[in-house]
Amino acid sequence: MAPTTPGTDPTTPGAAPSAPSAPLLTDRLVLRPVRGGDIPAVTRLWTDPDVRRHLGGPVVESVIRIRQRRIVGAPGVHAVERASDGVLLGLVTVEKAARNGETEVSYQFLPEHWGRGYAREAVAAAVERALEEVPVVVAVTQEANVRSRRLLEAVGMGHAESFVEWDAHQVLYRRQRRRAD
C-alpha cells in the first residue's frame, strides 16, 4: 500500500535525503529511524508482490543489497512500529525537495497490517510534522491504487494533477500548510 512510483524510493542510488527528525509518537505508533533489526521486515516490503503491485513489482536482489546498506538511519525514512509490542508495520518516508522542489511523503506497509488504520495514522502524523517546516507536502500514487488514494484524501490531501509516469496513470496529491489567522 504505497503511494509513490518506482523511482522515488529514497534508498535508491542518487536519491536526495531529508534531514533526520526525532521519533514521532501517535496514539498507537512510533515513527523512528530504521534500525539494523528492521532489515528483514523492510526487505519484505521490497519483495512482497502485494506491497509492490503499484510500485513496479518486487525489487531485484542487486538493488535490495544496496538498499539494505543504505536504509539504516537514512534521513527522512521512518520505521513505523506498533507502540504496544514493537512490531514493525511499514515505512513512511518524507523527502524534502523531492518532486519539483516540494516535500514528498510516501509509504509502504506489510499486508498483514492493512485495513487497521495504521498507515493513515502514520501518514497523517508525518504530513503534519512536515507541514511544520515546509509549506506544501505532496504524494503520488497510481490512479489504480484506490486504497492509497482514499488514504491520502483522508489525511487532507487533495487531487492536484494526473499524469503518466513509469508507464502508468499517476495522481499527485497536495496539501498546504494552513495559514494562521
N, C-alpha and C. Protein backbone atom coordinates (compact mmCIF):
# COMPACT_ATOMS: atom_id res chain seq x y z
N MET A 1 0.84 -1.17 0.00
CA MET A 1 0.00 0.00 0.00
C MET A 1 0.89 1.23 0.00
N ALA A 2 1.49 1.52 -1.10
CA ALA A 2 2.45 2.62 -1.16
C ALA A 2 2.09 3.57 -2.27
N PRO A 3 2.13 4.86 -1.99
CA PRO A 3 1.67 5.78 -2.99
C PRO A 3 2.70 6.20 -4.02
N THR A 4 3.97 5.96 -3.81
CA THR A 4 4.93 6.51 -4.74
C THR A 4 5.19 5.59 -5.92
N THR A 5 5.84 6.14 -6.89
CA THR A 5 6.21 5.41 -8.09
C THR A 5 7.56 4.75 -7.88
N PRO A 6 7.97 3.82 -8.76
CA PRO A 6 9.18 3.05 -8.52
C PRO A 6 10.44 3.88 -8.33
N GLY A 7 10.61 4.98 -8.95
CA GLY A 7 11.85 5.73 -8.88
C GLY A 7 11.96 6.69 -7.72
N THR A 8 11.00 6.73 -6.82
CA THR A 8 11.04 7.74 -5.77
C THR A 8 11.43 7.21 -4.41
N ASP A 9 11.93 6.00 -4.32
CA ASP A 9 12.36 5.44 -3.05
C ASP A 9 13.68 6.08 -2.64
N PRO A 10 13.76 6.70 -1.45
CA PRO A 10 14.97 7.40 -1.05
C PRO A 10 16.16 6.49 -0.83
N THR A 11 15.96 5.19 -0.78
CA THR A 11 17.07 4.28 -0.57
C THR A 11 17.68 3.84 -1.89
N THR A 12 17.21 4.39 -3.00
CA THR A 12 17.81 4.09 -4.29
C THR A 12 19.00 5.00 -4.51
N PRO A 13 19.98 4.54 -5.28
CA PRO A 13 21.15 5.38 -5.53
C PRO A 13 20.75 6.74 -6.11
N GLY A 14 21.42 7.79 -5.62
CA GLY A 14 21.19 9.12 -6.16
C GLY A 14 20.02 9.88 -5.56
N ALA A 15 19.27 9.26 -4.66
CA ALA A 15 18.13 9.95 -4.06
C ALA A 15 18.62 11.02 -3.09
N ALA A 16 17.91 12.15 -3.03
CA ALA A 16 18.27 13.22 -2.12
C ALA A 16 17.58 13.00 -0.78
N PRO A 17 18.33 12.82 0.30
CA PRO A 17 17.71 12.54 1.59
C PRO A 17 17.14 13.79 2.24
N SER A 18 16.25 13.56 3.19
CA SER A 18 15.71 14.63 4.02
C SER A 18 16.54 14.70 5.30
N ALA A 19 16.38 15.77 6.03
CA ALA A 19 17.06 15.90 7.31
C ALA A 19 16.48 14.91 8.31
N PRO A 20 17.30 14.39 9.22
CA PRO A 20 16.78 13.46 10.23
C PRO A 20 15.83 14.18 11.18
N SER A 21 14.93 13.43 11.78
CA SER A 21 14.00 14.03 12.72
C SER A 21 13.85 13.13 13.94
N ALA A 22 13.34 13.71 15.02
CA ALA A 22 13.11 12.97 16.25
C ALA A 22 11.97 11.99 16.04
N PRO A 23 11.94 10.90 16.82
CA PRO A 23 10.81 9.97 16.71
C PRO A 23 9.49 10.70 16.88
N LEU A 24 8.51 10.22 16.20
CA LEU A 24 7.17 10.81 16.21
C LEU A 24 6.23 9.80 16.81
N LEU A 25 5.47 10.20 17.81
CA LEU A 25 4.55 9.31 18.50
C LEU A 25 3.11 9.66 18.15
N THR A 26 2.30 8.63 17.93
CA THR A 26 0.87 8.80 17.76
C THR A 26 0.20 7.96 18.84
N ASP A 27 -1.12 7.86 18.81
CA ASP A 27 -1.81 7.06 19.83
C ASP A 27 -1.33 5.61 19.85
N ARG A 28 -1.06 5.05 18.65
CA ARG A 28 -0.72 3.63 18.59
C ARG A 28 0.65 3.33 18.01
N LEU A 29 1.34 4.35 17.50
CA LEU A 29 2.53 4.11 16.70
C LEU A 29 3.73 4.93 17.14
N VAL A 30 4.90 4.42 16.76
CA VAL A 30 6.16 5.15 16.90
C VAL A 30 6.78 5.19 15.51
N LEU A 31 7.05 6.40 15.00
CA LEU A 31 7.78 6.58 13.75
C LEU A 31 9.19 6.97 14.15
N ARG A 32 10.16 6.14 13.79
CA ARG A 32 11.53 6.31 14.24
C ARG A 32 12.49 5.92 13.12
N PRO A 33 13.77 6.25 13.27
CA PRO A 33 14.73 5.82 12.25
C PRO A 33 14.77 4.29 12.11
N VAL A 34 15.11 3.84 10.94
CA VAL A 34 15.25 2.40 10.68
C VAL A 34 16.50 1.88 11.39
N ARG A 35 16.37 0.72 12.01
CA ARG A 35 17.47 0.06 12.71
C ARG A 35 17.88 -1.21 11.97
N GLY A 36 19.03 -1.71 12.29
CA GLY A 36 19.52 -2.95 11.67
C GLY A 36 18.56 -4.11 11.83
N GLY A 37 17.93 -4.22 12.98
CA GLY A 37 16.98 -5.31 13.22
C GLY A 37 15.72 -5.23 12.39
N ASP A 38 15.49 -4.09 11.75
CA ASP A 38 14.31 -3.90 10.90
C ASP A 38 14.50 -4.47 9.49
N ILE A 39 15.74 -4.77 9.13
CA ILE A 39 16.05 -5.15 7.75
C ILE A 39 15.19 -6.31 7.23
N PRO A 40 14.94 -7.38 7.96
CA PRO A 40 14.10 -8.45 7.40
C PRO A 40 12.69 -7.97 7.02
N ALA A 41 12.06 -7.18 7.89
CA ALA A 41 10.71 -6.69 7.58
C ALA A 41 10.74 -5.69 6.43
N VAL A 42 11.75 -4.83 6.42
CA VAL A 42 11.86 -3.85 5.34
C VAL A 42 12.12 -4.55 4.01
N THR A 43 12.94 -5.59 4.03
CA THR A 43 13.20 -6.36 2.81
C THR A 43 11.90 -6.98 2.30
N ARG A 44 11.05 -7.43 3.20
CA ARG A 44 9.73 -7.95 2.78
C ARG A 44 8.93 -6.88 2.05
N LEU A 45 9.02 -5.63 2.51
CA LEU A 45 8.31 -4.54 1.82
C LEU A 45 8.77 -4.44 0.37
N TRP A 46 10.06 -4.64 0.13
CA TRP A 46 10.61 -4.50 -1.21
C TRP A 46 10.35 -5.71 -2.10
N THR A 47 10.00 -6.84 -1.48
CA THR A 47 9.85 -8.07 -2.27
C THR A 47 8.43 -8.62 -2.32
N ASP A 48 7.56 -8.13 -1.48
CA ASP A 48 6.19 -8.65 -1.43
C ASP A 48 5.40 -8.18 -2.65
N PRO A 49 4.85 -9.12 -3.44
CA PRO A 49 4.11 -8.73 -4.65
C PRO A 49 2.90 -7.85 -4.37
N ASP A 50 2.22 -8.04 -3.23
CA ASP A 50 1.06 -7.19 -2.92
C ASP A 50 1.50 -5.76 -2.61
N VAL A 51 2.56 -5.61 -1.82
CA VAL A 51 3.07 -4.27 -1.50
C VAL A 51 3.55 -3.58 -2.77
N ARG A 52 4.20 -4.33 -3.64
CA ARG A 52 4.83 -3.77 -4.84
C ARG A 52 3.91 -3.72 -6.06
N ARG A 53 2.65 -4.09 -5.90
CA ARG A 53 1.71 -4.13 -7.03
C ARG A 53 1.68 -2.83 -7.82
N HIS A 54 1.66 -1.70 -7.14
CA HIS A 54 1.59 -0.39 -7.80
C HIS A 54 2.94 0.33 -7.80
N LEU A 55 4.00 -0.42 -7.57
CA LEU A 55 5.35 0.15 -7.50
C LEU A 55 6.33 -0.52 -8.47
N GLY A 56 5.82 -1.12 -9.50
CA GLY A 56 6.71 -1.72 -10.48
C GLY A 56 7.12 -3.15 -10.18
N GLY A 57 6.52 -3.77 -9.20
CA GLY A 57 6.83 -5.17 -8.88
C GLY A 57 7.97 -5.28 -7.88
N PRO A 58 8.23 -6.51 -7.44
CA PRO A 58 9.30 -6.74 -6.46
C PRO A 58 10.65 -6.22 -6.96
N VAL A 59 11.44 -5.75 -6.01
CA VAL A 59 12.76 -5.18 -6.31
C VAL A 59 13.74 -6.34 -6.53
N VAL A 60 14.65 -6.16 -7.48
CA VAL A 60 15.63 -7.20 -7.79
C VAL A 60 16.68 -7.29 -6.69
N GLU A 61 17.28 -8.46 -6.54
CA GLU A 61 18.22 -8.75 -5.46
C GLU A 61 19.39 -7.78 -5.41
N SER A 62 19.96 -7.40 -6.54
CA SER A 62 21.11 -6.50 -6.52
C SER A 62 20.74 -5.13 -5.94
N VAL A 63 19.54 -4.65 -6.21
CA VAL A 63 19.08 -3.37 -5.66
C VAL A 63 18.75 -3.53 -4.18
N ILE A 64 18.19 -4.66 -3.81
CA ILE A 64 17.89 -4.91 -2.39
C ILE A 64 19.16 -4.82 -1.56
N ARG A 65 20.25 -5.42 -2.04
CA ARG A 65 21.52 -5.38 -1.27
C ARG A 65 21.98 -3.94 -1.07
N ILE A 66 21.84 -3.11 -2.08
CA ILE A 66 22.22 -1.69 -1.95
C ILE A 66 21.32 -1.00 -0.94
N ARG A 67 20.02 -1.21 -1.07
CA ARG A 67 19.07 -0.58 -0.15
C ARG A 67 19.29 -1.01 1.29
N GLN A 68 19.61 -2.29 1.49
CA GLN A 68 19.83 -2.77 2.84
C GLN A 68 21.01 -2.05 3.51
N ARG A 69 22.02 -1.71 2.73
CA ARG A 69 23.17 -0.98 3.28
C ARG A 69 22.84 0.47 3.57
N ARG A 70 21.90 1.06 2.85
CA ARG A 70 21.61 2.50 2.96
C ARG A 70 20.42 2.85 3.86
N ILE A 71 19.56 1.92 4.14
CA ILE A 71 18.29 2.24 4.81
C ILE A 71 18.46 2.52 6.31
N VAL A 72 19.40 1.86 6.97
CA VAL A 72 19.54 2.03 8.42
C VAL A 72 19.94 3.48 8.72
N GLY A 73 19.08 4.16 9.47
CA GLY A 73 19.32 5.54 9.85
C GLY A 73 19.19 6.55 8.73
N ALA A 74 18.69 6.14 7.56
CA ALA A 74 18.57 7.06 6.44
C ALA A 74 17.67 8.24 6.81
N PRO A 75 18.13 9.46 6.57
CA PRO A 75 17.32 10.63 6.91
C PRO A 75 15.98 10.62 6.17
N GLY A 76 14.93 10.95 6.90
CA GLY A 76 13.60 11.03 6.31
C GLY A 76 12.86 9.72 6.20
N VAL A 77 13.54 8.60 6.45
CA VAL A 77 12.91 7.28 6.36
C VAL A 77 12.54 6.85 7.78
N HIS A 78 11.25 6.63 7.99
CA HIS A 78 10.75 6.29 9.32
C HIS A 78 10.20 4.87 9.35
N ALA A 79 10.77 4.04 10.22
CA ALA A 79 10.17 2.75 10.50
C ALA A 79 8.92 3.04 11.33
N VAL A 80 7.83 2.37 11.00
CA VAL A 80 6.59 2.54 11.75
C VAL A 80 6.39 1.29 12.58
N GLU A 81 6.47 1.45 13.88
CA GLU A 81 6.27 0.30 14.75
C GLU A 81 5.05 0.52 15.62
N ARG A 82 4.39 -0.59 15.94
CA ARG A 82 3.24 -0.54 16.83
C ARG A 82 3.78 -0.34 18.24
N ALA A 83 3.30 0.68 18.92
CA ALA A 83 3.81 1.04 20.24
C ALA A 83 3.57 -0.06 21.27
N SER A 84 2.49 -0.79 21.16
CA SER A 84 2.14 -1.78 22.17
C SER A 84 3.09 -2.98 22.22
N ASP A 85 3.70 -3.33 21.07
CA ASP A 85 4.54 -4.52 21.06
C ASP A 85 5.81 -4.39 20.23
N GLY A 86 6.06 -3.23 19.62
CA GLY A 86 7.28 -3.01 18.86
C GLY A 86 7.34 -3.68 17.50
N VAL A 87 6.23 -4.23 17.02
CA VAL A 87 6.22 -4.88 15.71
C VAL A 87 6.34 -3.83 14.61
N LEU A 88 7.24 -4.07 13.66
CA LEU A 88 7.41 -3.16 12.53
C LEU A 88 6.27 -3.40 11.54
N LEU A 89 5.55 -2.32 11.22
CA LEU A 89 4.39 -2.39 10.35
C LEU A 89 4.70 -1.95 8.93
N GLY A 90 5.62 -1.00 8.80
CA GLY A 90 5.93 -0.46 7.48
C GLY A 90 6.89 0.70 7.57
N LEU A 91 6.94 1.47 6.48
CA LEU A 91 7.80 2.64 6.38
C LEU A 91 6.99 3.84 5.93
N VAL A 92 7.35 5.00 6.44
CA VAL A 92 6.86 6.27 5.91
C VAL A 92 8.11 7.11 5.65
N THR A 93 8.17 7.66 4.45
CA THR A 93 9.34 8.46 4.06
C THR A 93 8.89 9.88 3.75
N VAL A 94 9.65 10.84 4.24
CA VAL A 94 9.41 12.25 3.95
C VAL A 94 10.69 12.79 3.33
N GLU A 95 10.60 13.16 2.06
CA GLU A 95 11.75 13.67 1.32
C GLU A 95 11.54 15.14 0.98
N LYS A 96 12.40 15.98 1.52
CA LYS A 96 12.30 17.41 1.20
C LYS A 96 12.83 17.65 -0.21
N ALA A 97 12.17 18.55 -0.92
CA ALA A 97 12.57 18.94 -2.28
C ALA A 97 12.66 17.75 -3.22
N ALA A 98 11.80 16.77 -3.05
CA ALA A 98 11.85 15.55 -3.84
C ALA A 98 11.19 15.68 -5.20
N ARG A 99 10.04 16.27 -5.25
CA ARG A 99 9.27 16.32 -6.50
C ARG A 99 9.05 17.78 -6.85
N ASN A 100 9.72 18.22 -7.88
CA ASN A 100 9.62 19.61 -8.33
C ASN A 100 9.85 20.59 -7.18
N GLY A 101 10.78 20.24 -6.29
CA GLY A 101 11.12 21.11 -5.18
C GLY A 101 10.20 21.00 -3.98
N GLU A 102 9.16 20.19 -4.08
CA GLU A 102 8.22 20.05 -2.97
C GLU A 102 8.53 18.80 -2.14
N THR A 103 8.19 18.86 -0.88
CA THR A 103 8.39 17.72 0.02
C THR A 103 7.39 16.63 -0.33
N GLU A 104 7.88 15.40 -0.45
CA GLU A 104 7.03 14.28 -0.83
C GLU A 104 6.97 13.24 0.29
N VAL A 105 5.77 12.77 0.57
CA VAL A 105 5.58 11.69 1.53
C VAL A 105 5.24 10.42 0.75
N SER A 106 5.81 9.31 1.19
CA SER A 106 5.48 8.02 0.60
C SER A 106 5.40 6.99 1.73
N TYR A 107 4.82 5.86 1.43
CA TYR A 107 4.66 4.86 2.48
C TYR A 107 4.46 3.48 1.89
N GLN A 108 4.84 2.50 2.70
CA GLN A 108 4.65 1.08 2.38
C GLN A 108 4.38 0.37 3.69
N PHE A 109 3.37 -0.48 3.70
CA PHE A 109 3.04 -1.27 4.90
C PHE A 109 2.90 -2.73 4.52
N LEU A 110 3.29 -3.59 5.44
CA LEU A 110 3.14 -5.03 5.19
C LEU A 110 1.66 -5.40 5.14
N PRO A 111 1.28 -6.28 4.22
CA PRO A 111 -0.14 -6.59 4.00
C PRO A 111 -0.90 -7.06 5.24
N GLU A 112 -0.23 -7.76 6.14
CA GLU A 112 -0.95 -8.26 7.32
C GLU A 112 -1.38 -7.12 8.25
N HIS A 113 -0.91 -5.91 7.98
CA HIS A 113 -1.28 -4.76 8.81
C HIS A 113 -2.20 -3.78 8.08
N TRP A 114 -2.61 -4.11 6.88
CA TRP A 114 -3.53 -3.26 6.12
C TRP A 114 -4.92 -3.32 6.74
N GLY A 115 -5.68 -2.28 6.53
CA GLY A 115 -7.09 -2.26 6.95
C GLY A 115 -7.31 -1.95 8.42
N ARG A 116 -6.28 -1.55 9.15
CA ARG A 116 -6.42 -1.27 10.57
C ARG A 116 -6.20 0.21 10.90
N GLY A 117 -6.00 1.02 9.87
CA GLY A 117 -5.81 2.45 10.08
C GLY A 117 -4.39 2.86 10.44
N TYR A 118 -3.46 1.91 10.48
CA TYR A 118 -2.08 2.25 10.85
C TYR A 118 -1.45 3.20 9.82
N ALA A 119 -1.60 2.88 8.55
CA ALA A 119 -0.99 3.72 7.51
C ALA A 119 -1.57 5.13 7.57
N ARG A 120 -2.87 5.24 7.69
CA ARG A 120 -3.49 6.57 7.77
C ARG A 120 -2.97 7.34 8.97
N GLU A 121 -2.87 6.70 10.12
CA GLU A 121 -2.38 7.35 11.33
C GLU A 121 -0.93 7.80 11.17
N ALA A 122 -0.10 6.94 10.60
CA ALA A 122 1.32 7.27 10.42
C ALA A 122 1.51 8.37 9.38
N VAL A 123 0.83 8.26 8.25
CA VAL A 123 0.98 9.26 7.19
C VAL A 123 0.45 10.61 7.67
N ALA A 124 -0.68 10.62 8.35
CA ALA A 124 -1.22 11.88 8.87
C ALA A 124 -0.22 12.56 9.80
N ALA A 125 0.40 11.79 10.69
CA ALA A 125 1.38 12.36 11.62
C ALA A 125 2.60 12.89 10.87
N ALA A 126 3.07 12.14 9.89
CA ALA A 126 4.24 12.57 9.12
C ALA A 126 3.95 13.83 8.31
N VAL A 127 2.76 13.91 7.73
CA VAL A 127 2.38 15.10 6.96
C VAL A 127 2.27 16.30 7.89
N GLU A 128 1.63 16.13 9.03
CA GLU A 128 1.50 17.24 9.99
C GLU A 128 2.87 17.75 10.42
N ARG A 129 3.78 16.82 10.74
CA ARG A 129 5.12 17.25 11.15
C ARG A 129 5.83 17.97 10.01
N ALA A 130 5.73 17.44 8.81
CA ALA A 130 6.40 18.07 7.66
C ALA A 130 5.87 19.49 7.43
N LEU A 131 4.56 19.66 7.59
CA LEU A 131 3.96 20.97 7.36
C LEU A 131 4.36 22.00 8.42
N GLU A 132 4.96 21.55 9.49
CA GLU A 132 5.52 22.50 10.47
C GLU A 132 6.77 23.17 9.90
N GLU A 133 7.41 22.52 8.92
CA GLU A 133 8.67 23.02 8.37
C GLU A 133 8.58 23.50 6.93
N VAL A 134 7.66 22.94 6.16
CA VAL A 134 7.55 23.30 4.75
C VAL A 134 6.12 23.71 4.44
N PRO A 135 5.91 24.51 3.40
CA PRO A 135 4.56 24.99 3.12
C PRO A 135 3.65 23.98 2.42
N VAL A 136 4.24 22.99 1.75
CA VAL A 136 3.45 22.05 0.94
C VAL A 136 4.04 20.65 1.06
N VAL A 137 3.15 19.66 1.11
CA VAL A 137 3.55 18.25 1.04
C VAL A 137 2.76 17.62 -0.09
N VAL A 138 3.45 16.80 -0.90
CA VAL A 138 2.80 16.09 -2.00
C VAL A 138 2.97 14.59 -1.81
N ALA A 139 2.14 13.84 -2.52
CA ALA A 139 2.25 12.38 -2.58
C ALA A 139 1.78 11.96 -3.95
N VAL A 140 2.36 10.89 -4.47
CA VAL A 140 1.99 10.38 -5.77
C VAL A 140 1.61 8.92 -5.61
N THR A 141 0.54 8.52 -6.27
CA THR A 141 0.13 7.13 -6.30
C THR A 141 -0.42 6.81 -7.68
N GLN A 142 -0.43 5.55 -8.01
CA GLN A 142 -1.04 5.16 -9.26
C GLN A 142 -2.55 5.39 -9.17
N GLU A 143 -3.12 5.82 -10.27
CA GLU A 143 -4.57 6.03 -10.32
C GLU A 143 -5.31 4.76 -9.90
N ALA A 144 -4.78 3.62 -10.25
CA ALA A 144 -5.42 2.34 -9.94
C ALA A 144 -5.33 1.96 -8.46
N ASN A 145 -4.50 2.63 -7.70
CA ASN A 145 -4.31 2.30 -6.29
C ASN A 145 -5.36 3.02 -5.44
N VAL A 146 -6.56 2.51 -5.50
CA VAL A 146 -7.71 3.14 -4.86
C VAL A 146 -7.53 3.27 -3.35
N ARG A 147 -6.96 2.28 -2.71
CA ARG A 147 -6.77 2.33 -1.25
C ARG A 147 -5.84 3.48 -0.86
N SER A 148 -4.76 3.65 -1.60
CA SER A 148 -3.84 4.76 -1.30
C SER A 148 -4.49 6.11 -1.58
N ARG A 149 -5.26 6.18 -2.63
CA ARG A 149 -5.95 7.43 -2.94
C ARG A 149 -6.91 7.81 -1.81
N ARG A 150 -7.64 6.83 -1.30
CA ARG A 150 -8.56 7.10 -0.18
C ARG A 150 -7.79 7.55 1.06
N LEU A 151 -6.67 6.91 1.32
CA LEU A 151 -5.86 7.28 2.49
C LEU A 151 -5.38 8.71 2.36
N LEU A 152 -4.86 9.09 1.19
CA LEU A 152 -4.35 10.45 1.01
C LEU A 152 -5.46 11.48 1.17
N GLU A 153 -6.62 11.17 0.67
CA GLU A 153 -7.76 12.08 0.85
C GLU A 153 -8.16 12.16 2.32
N ALA A 154 -8.08 11.04 3.04
CA ALA A 154 -8.45 11.01 4.45
C ALA A 154 -7.51 11.85 5.32
N VAL A 155 -6.26 12.03 4.88
CA VAL A 155 -5.32 12.84 5.66
C VAL A 155 -5.28 14.28 5.17
N GLY A 156 -6.27 14.64 4.37
CA GLY A 156 -6.43 16.04 3.97
C GLY A 156 -5.72 16.45 2.71
N MET A 157 -5.22 15.49 1.96
CA MET A 157 -4.55 15.84 0.71
C MET A 157 -5.57 15.87 -0.41
N GLY A 158 -5.40 16.79 -1.34
CA GLY A 158 -6.34 16.93 -2.45
C GLY A 158 -5.68 16.63 -3.78
N HIS A 159 -6.49 16.11 -4.70
CA HIS A 159 -6.01 15.81 -6.05
C HIS A 159 -5.52 17.09 -6.70
N ALA A 160 -4.27 17.09 -7.16
CA ALA A 160 -3.68 18.28 -7.78
C ALA A 160 -3.49 18.10 -9.28
N GLU A 161 -3.08 16.91 -9.70
CA GLU A 161 -2.90 16.68 -11.13
C GLU A 161 -2.81 15.19 -11.41
N SER A 162 -3.03 14.85 -12.67
CA SER A 162 -2.89 13.48 -13.15
C SER A 162 -1.89 13.48 -14.30
N PHE A 163 -1.14 12.41 -14.43
CA PHE A 163 -0.13 12.32 -15.48
C PHE A 163 0.26 10.86 -15.66
N VAL A 164 1.04 10.58 -16.67
CA VAL A 164 1.56 9.24 -16.90
C VAL A 164 3.05 9.25 -16.58
N GLU A 165 3.46 8.30 -15.75
CA GLU A 165 4.86 8.14 -15.37
C GLU A 165 5.08 6.66 -15.12
N TRP A 166 6.23 6.14 -15.48
CA TRP A 166 6.52 4.73 -15.31
C TRP A 166 5.48 3.86 -16.03
N ASP A 167 4.99 4.35 -17.17
CA ASP A 167 4.01 3.64 -18.00
C ASP A 167 2.69 3.36 -17.27
N ALA A 168 2.36 4.21 -16.32
CA ALA A 168 1.10 4.05 -15.58
C ALA A 168 0.50 5.42 -15.29
N HIS A 169 -0.81 5.46 -15.20
CA HIS A 169 -1.51 6.70 -14.85
C HIS A 169 -1.27 6.97 -13.36
N GLN A 170 -0.79 8.18 -13.05
CA GLN A 170 -0.45 8.58 -11.70
C GLN A 170 -1.35 9.74 -11.27
N VAL A 171 -1.49 9.89 -9.97
CA VAL A 171 -2.23 11.02 -9.41
C VAL A 171 -1.34 11.67 -8.36
N LEU A 172 -1.17 12.99 -8.47
CA LEU A 172 -0.42 13.74 -7.49
C LEU A 172 -1.41 14.42 -6.55
N TYR A 173 -1.17 14.23 -5.27
CA TYR A 173 -1.98 14.86 -4.23
C TYR A 173 -1.12 15.92 -3.56
N ARG A 174 -1.77 16.95 -3.05
CA ARG A 174 -1.05 18.06 -2.42
C ARG A 174 -1.83 18.53 -1.19
N ARG A 175 -1.07 18.91 -0.18
CA ARG A 175 -1.68 19.57 0.99
C ARG A 175 -0.78 20.72 1.38
N GLN A 176 -1.40 21.87 1.60
CA GLN A 176 -0.67 23.06 2.01
C GLN A 176 -0.84 23.30 3.50
N ARG A 177 0.16 23.95 4.07
CA ARG A 177 0.09 24.35 5.47
C ARG A 177 -1.08 25.31 5.62
N ARG A 178 -1.83 25.14 6.68
CA ARG A 178 -2.94 26.05 6.97
C ARG A 178 -2.37 27.36 7.47
N ARG A 179 -2.92 28.41 6.99
CA ARG A 179 -2.47 29.74 7.42
C ARG A 179 -3.00 30.05 8.81
N ALA A 180 -2.14 30.68 9.59
CA ALA A 180 -2.57 31.11 10.93
C ALA A 180 -3.43 32.35 10.76
N ASP A 181 -4.56 32.37 11.42
CA ASP A 181 -5.47 33.53 11.31
C ASP A 181 -5.12 34.62 12.28
